[in-house]
Amino acid sequence: MASRTDHLRHPLSITGVVVATSAAVVFLALLVAELSGLFTNPYAGLVVFVAMPAFLVLGLILIPLGMWLERRRVRARPHGSSR
């Protein structure tokens, strides 16, 4: 039986981890820039407070979705056959 970390090997889960981590880092950097007054464009707030959290949530949704797909693939081929 595969452990939970084995299910993280699905490419969709890995993509979710990369997207969520990148979005979190960029969000924090943009938040600091916004709070320090570096942006004069009024639409910069849309990117900082709407777009970046949306990418973060998207990445967090992709992680369990990929885990579910990997679990389904493992259950379909229980004899340990590789991809």
Protein backbone atom coordinates (compact mmCIF):
# COMPACT_ATOMS: atom_id res chain seq x y z
CA MET A 1 0.00 0.00 0.00
CA ALA A 2 1.31 3.41 -0.93
CA SER A 3 1.80 6.13 1.64
CA ARG A 4 0.40 9.64 1.31
CA THR A 5 3.72 11.02 0.14
CA ASP A 6 3.78 8.50 -2.69
CA HIS A 7 0.61 10.09 -4.05
CA LEU A 8 2.41 13.44 -4.29
CA ARG A 9 4.43 12.07 -7.22
CA HIS A 10 1.69 12.78 -9.73
CA PRO A 11 2.74 15.58 -12.12
CA LEU A 12 -0.39 17.57 -11.25
CA SER A 13 0.51 17.53 -7.55
CA ILE A 14 4.05 18.61 -8.28
CA THR A 15 2.74 21.41 -10.48
CA GLY A 16 0.41 22.46 -7.66
CA VAL A 17 3.29 22.62 -5.20
CA VAL A 18 5.35 24.74 -7.59
CA VAL A 19 2.44 27.08 -8.38
CA ALA A 20 1.40 27.50 -4.73
CA THR A 21 4.94 28.10 -3.51
CA SER A 22 5.75 30.54 -6.29
CA ALA A 23 2.49 32.43 -5.80
CA ALA A 24 3.07 32.68 -2.06
CA VAL A 25 6.57 34.07 -2.49
CA VAL A 26 5.51 36.54 -5.18
CA PHE A 27 2.44 37.55 -3.13
CA LEU A 28 4.59 38.33 -0.10
CA ALA A 29 7.07 40.32 -2.18
CA LEU A 30 4.29 42.30 -3.87
CA LEU A 31 2.54 42.84 -0.55
CA VAL A 32 5.69 44.38 0.93
CA ALA A 33 6.08 46.55 -2.18
CA GLU A 34 2.43 47.63 -2.01
CA LEU A 35 2.56 48.46 1.68
CA SER A 36 5.77 50.43 1.26
CA GLY A 37 4.15 52.54 -1.46
CA LEU A 38 6.18 51.44 -4.45
CA PHE A 39 3.12 51.08 -6.68
CA THR A 40 1.37 54.19 -7.94
CA ASN A 41 -0.91 52.40 -10.38
CA PRO A 42 -4.35 51.86 -8.83
CA TYR A 43 -4.71 48.53 -10.65
CA ALA A 44 -1.64 47.08 -8.95
CA GLY A 45 -3.88 46.16 -6.04
CA LEU A 46 -5.84 43.82 -8.30
CA VAL A 47 -2.69 41.87 -9.02
CA VAL A 48 -1.54 41.87 -5.41
CA PHE A 49 -4.82 41.15 -3.67
CA VAL A 50 -6.81 39.20 -6.30
CA ALA A 51 -4.59 37.54 -8.90
CA MET A 52 -1.79 36.26 -6.67
CA PRO A 53 -4.10 34.76 -4.02
CA ALA A 54 -6.10 33.18 -6.87
CA PHE A 55 -2.92 31.48 -8.13
CA LEU A 56 -2.14 30.37 -4.59
CA VAL A 57 -5.59 28.80 -4.21
CA LEU A 58 -5.29 27.20 -7.66
CA GLY A 59 -2.01 25.58 -6.65
CA LEU A 60 -3.49 24.37 -3.38
CA ILE A 61 -6.42 22.81 -5.27
CA LEU A 62 -4.11 21.05 -7.73
CA ILE A 63 -2.22 19.23 -4.95
CA PRO A 64 -5.08 17.05 -3.64
CA LEU A 65 -6.47 16.67 -7.18
CA GLY A 66 -3.17 15.16 -8.32
CA MET A 67 -3.06 12.96 -5.23
CA TRP A 68 -6.55 11.70 -5.99
CA LEU A 69 -5.61 10.94 -9.60
CA GLU A 70 -2.47 9.09 -8.48
CA ARG A 71 -4.43 7.06 -5.93
CA ARG A 72 -6.94 6.16 -8.64
CA ARG A 73 -4.12 5.11 -10.97
CA VAL A 74 -2.52 2.93 -8.27
CA ARG A 75 -5.84 1.26 -7.48
CA ALA A 76 -6.41 0.52 -11.17
CA ARG A 77 -3.03 -1.24 -11.38
CA PRO A 78 -2.46 -2.85 -7.96
CA HIS A 79 0.49 -5.02 -9.07
CA GLY A 80 2.95 -2.13 -8.91
CA SER A 81 3.39 -1.66 -12.61
CA SER A 82 5.16 1.56 -13.44
CA ARG A 83 3.93 4.22 -15.81
